Amino acid sequence: MSDSNAITEADILKEIIDPELGDFPSELAKLVLRLRFSPAAKERLNELAEKNRRGILSSAETSLLEKYLRVGNFLNLVQAKARVWLSGTSWPDRR
């Protein structure tokens, strides 16, 4: 990627969490797949998303929503990698 602004945290984390770089024990992969936001966190995230949709999010709430989204993206990435490790297939190279 040539534009550093186009690189996301998920893109950077992908360079760290690479299934080709080593063994990821199946027990750990299964634990990673069980990670979820708590019901309270889901409710807060839904509230923030609704306020964002309505255009009434404060700057502090915008920052919090962005944090939730980054953590969610990280969790999605780690869980996708765990699924790849468990399946025994290789992660697609998108370079």
C-alpha atoms as a PDB file:
ATOM      1  CA  MET A   1       0.000   0.000   0.000  1.00  0.00           C
ATOM      2  CA  SER A   2       1.504   3.293  -0.998  1.00  0.00           C
ATOM      3  CA  ASP A   3      -0.757   5.686   0.911  1.00  0.00           C
ATOM      4  CA  SER A   4       0.037   5.425   4.628  1.00  0.00           C
ATOM      5  CA  ASN A   5      -3.371   6.932   5.449  1.00  0.00           C
ATOM      6  CA  ALA A   6      -5.053   3.993   3.701  1.00  0.00           C
ATOM      7  CA  ILE A   7      -3.344   1.477   5.994  1.00  0.00           C
ATOM      8  CA  THR A   8      -5.612   0.395   8.827  1.00  0.00           C
ATOM      9  CA  GLU A   9      -4.764  -1.062  12.207  1.00  0.00           C
ATOM     10  CA  ALA A  10      -6.060  -4.378  10.852  1.00  0.00           C
ATOM     11  CA  ASP A  11      -3.548  -4.203   7.988  1.00  0.00           C
ATOM     12  CA  ILE A  12      -0.730  -3.660  10.466  1.00  0.00           C
ATOM     13  CA  LEU A  13      -1.958  -6.414  12.780  1.00  0.00           C
ATOM     14  CA  LYS A  14      -2.133  -8.776   9.827  1.00  0.00           C
ATOM     15  CA  GLU A  15       1.631  -8.463   9.620  1.00  0.00           C
ATOM     16  CA  ILE A  16       1.905  -9.607  13.250  1.00  0.00           C
ATOM     17  CA  ILE A  17      -0.761 -12.316  13.277  1.00  0.00           C
ATOM     18  CA  ASP A  18       0.452 -14.340  10.324  1.00  0.00           C
ATOM     19  CA  PRO A  19      -0.499 -18.032  10.294  1.00  0.00           C
ATOM     20  CA  GLU A  20       2.549 -18.810   8.165  1.00  0.00           C
ATOM     21  CA  LEU A  21       4.933 -17.566  10.887  1.00  0.00           C
ATOM     22  CA  GLY A  22       4.426 -20.328  13.392  1.00  0.00           C
ATOM     23  CA  ASP A  23       2.234 -22.774  15.201  1.00  0.00           C
ATOM     24  CA  PHE A  24      -1.009 -21.617  16.766  1.00  0.00           C
ATOM     25  CA  PRO A  25      -2.200 -24.380  19.110  1.00  0.00           C
ATOM     26  CA  SER A  26      -5.736 -25.527  18.339  1.00  0.00           C
ATOM     27  CA  GLU A  27      -6.729 -25.013  21.996  1.00  0.00           C
ATOM     28  CA  LEU A  28      -5.735 -21.354  21.730  1.00  0.00           C
ATOM     29  CA  ALA A  29      -7.529 -20.954  18.395  1.00  0.00           C
ATOM     30  CA  LYS A  30     -10.700 -22.395  19.933  1.00  0.00           C
ATOM     31  CA  LEU A  31     -10.446 -19.976  22.874  1.00  0.00           C
ATOM     32  CA  VAL A  32      -9.971 -17.041  20.502  1.00  0.00           C
ATOM     33  CA  LEU A  33     -13.127 -18.059  18.630  1.00  0.00           C
ATOM     34  CA  ARG A  34     -15.114 -17.855  21.875  1.00  0.00           C
ATOM     35  CA  LEU A  35     -14.142 -14.217  22.553  1.00  0.00           C
ATOM     36  CA  ARG A  36     -17.126 -11.853  22.379  1.00  0.00           C
ATOM     37  CA  PHE A  37     -18.110  -8.389  23.522  1.00  0.00           C
ATOM     38  CA  SER A  38     -20.062  -8.476  26.766  1.00  0.00           C
ATOM     39  CA  PRO A  39     -23.807  -7.750  26.602  1.00  0.00           C
ATOM     40  CA  ALA A  40     -23.143  -4.344  28.211  1.00  0.00           C
ATOM     41  CA  ALA A  41     -20.481  -3.522  25.618  1.00  0.00           C
ATOM     42  CA  LYS A  42     -22.811  -4.588  22.781  1.00  0.00           C
ATOM     43  CA  GLU A  43     -25.550  -2.377  24.186  1.00  0.00           C
ATOM     44  CA  ARG A  44     -23.167   0.594  24.453  1.00  0.00           C
ATOM     45  CA  LEU A  45     -21.892  -0.002  20.936  1.00  0.00           C
ATOM     46  CA  ASN A  46     -25.459  -0.151  19.596  1.00  0.00           C
ATOM     47  CA  GLU A  47     -26.287   3.115  21.392  1.00  0.00           C
ATOM     48  CA  LEU A  48     -23.228   4.807  19.910  1.00  0.00           C
ATOM     49  CA  ALA A  49     -23.999   3.454  16.443  1.00  0.00           C
ATOM     50  CA  GLU A  50     -27.580   4.720  16.651  1.00  0.00           C
ATOM     51  CA  LYS A  51     -26.446   8.183  17.795  1.00  0.00           C
ATOM     52  CA  ASN A  52     -23.906   8.182  14.979  1.00  0.00           C
ATOM     53  CA  ARG A  53     -26.606   7.255  12.450  1.00  0.00           C
ATOM     54  CA  ARG A  54     -28.729  10.139  13.747  1.00  0.00           C
ATOM     55  CA  GLY A  55     -25.742  12.525  13.626  1.00  0.00           C
ATOM     56  CA  ILE A  56     -25.815  13.424  17.338  1.00  0.00           C
ATOM     57  CA  LEU A  57     -22.566  11.840  18.535  1.00  0.00           C
ATOM     58  CA  SER A  58     -20.305  14.044  20.678  1.00  0.00           C
ATOM     59  CA  SER A  59     -16.584  14.107  19.930  1.00  0.00           C
ATOM     60  CA  ALA A  60     -15.913  11.939  23.011  1.00  0.00           C
ATOM     61  CA  GLU A  61     -18.543   9.438  21.837  1.00  0.00           C
ATOM     62  CA  THR A  62     -17.057   9.454  18.336  1.00  0.00           C
ATOM     63  CA  SER A  63     -13.684   8.588  19.817  1.00  0.00           C
ATOM     64  CA  LEU A  64     -15.228   5.799  21.906  1.00  0.00           C
ATOM     65  CA  LEU A  65     -17.105   4.387  18.899  1.00  0.00           C
ATOM     66  CA  GLU A  66     -13.879   4.366  16.895  1.00  0.00           C
ATOM     67  CA  LYS A  67     -12.157   2.467  19.718  1.00  0.00           C
ATOM     68  CA  TYR A  68     -14.927  -0.128  19.813  1.00  0.00           C
ATOM     69  CA  LEU A  69     -14.718  -0.510  16.041  1.00  0.00           C
ATOM     70  CA  ARG A  70     -10.929  -0.931  16.101  1.00  0.00           C
ATOM     71  CA  VAL A  71     -11.183  -3.577  18.819  1.00  0.00           C
ATOM     72  CA  GLY A  72     -13.971  -5.294  16.867  1.00  0.00           C
ATOM     73  CA  ASN A  73     -11.858  -5.277  13.714  1.00  0.00           C
ATOM     74  CA  PHE A  74      -8.917  -6.693  15.674  1.00  0.00           C
ATOM     75  CA  LEU A  75     -11.132  -9.424  17.110  1.00  0.00           C
ATOM     76  CA  ASN A  76     -12.479 -10.253  13.643  1.00  0.00           C
ATOM     77  CA  LEU A  77      -8.957 -10.488  12.270  1.00  0.00           C
ATOM     78  CA  VAL A  78      -7.680 -12.702  15.082  1.00  0.00           C
ATOM     79  CA  GLN A  79     -10.723 -14.962  14.817  1.00  0.00           C
ATOM     80  CA  ALA A  80     -10.324 -15.246  11.049  1.00  0.00           C
ATOM     81  CA  LYS A  81      -6.709 -16.239  11.555  1.00  0.00           C
ATOM     82  CA  ALA A  82      -7.773 -18.782  14.215  1.00  0.00           C
ATOM     83  CA  ARG A  83     -10.249 -20.307  11.749  1.00  0.00           C
ATOM     84  CA  VAL A  84      -7.479 -20.579   9.168  1.00  0.00           C
ATOM     85  CA  TRP A  85      -5.169 -22.258  11.672  1.00  0.00           C
ATOM     86  CA  LEU A  86      -7.895 -24.734  12.654  1.00  0.00           C
ATOM     87  CA  SER A  87      -8.789 -25.523   9.049  1.00  0.00           C
ATOM     88  CA  GLY A  88      -5.182 -26.200   8.078  1.00  0.00           C
ATOM     89  CA  THR A  89      -5.442 -23.993   4.993  1.00  0.00           C
ATOM     90  CA  SER A  90      -3.192 -21.041   4.252  1.00  0.00           C
ATOM     91  CA  TRP A  91      -4.112 -17.394   4.670  1.00  0.00           C
ATOM     92  CA  PRO A  92      -4.702 -15.757   1.272  1.00  0.00           C
ATOM     93  CA  ASP A  93      -1.893 -13.415   0.247  1.00  0.00           C
ATOM     94  CA  ARG A  94      -3.484 -10.116  -0.808  1.00  0.00           C
ATOM     95  CA  ARG A  95      -0.315  -8.176  -1.643  1.00  0.00           C
END
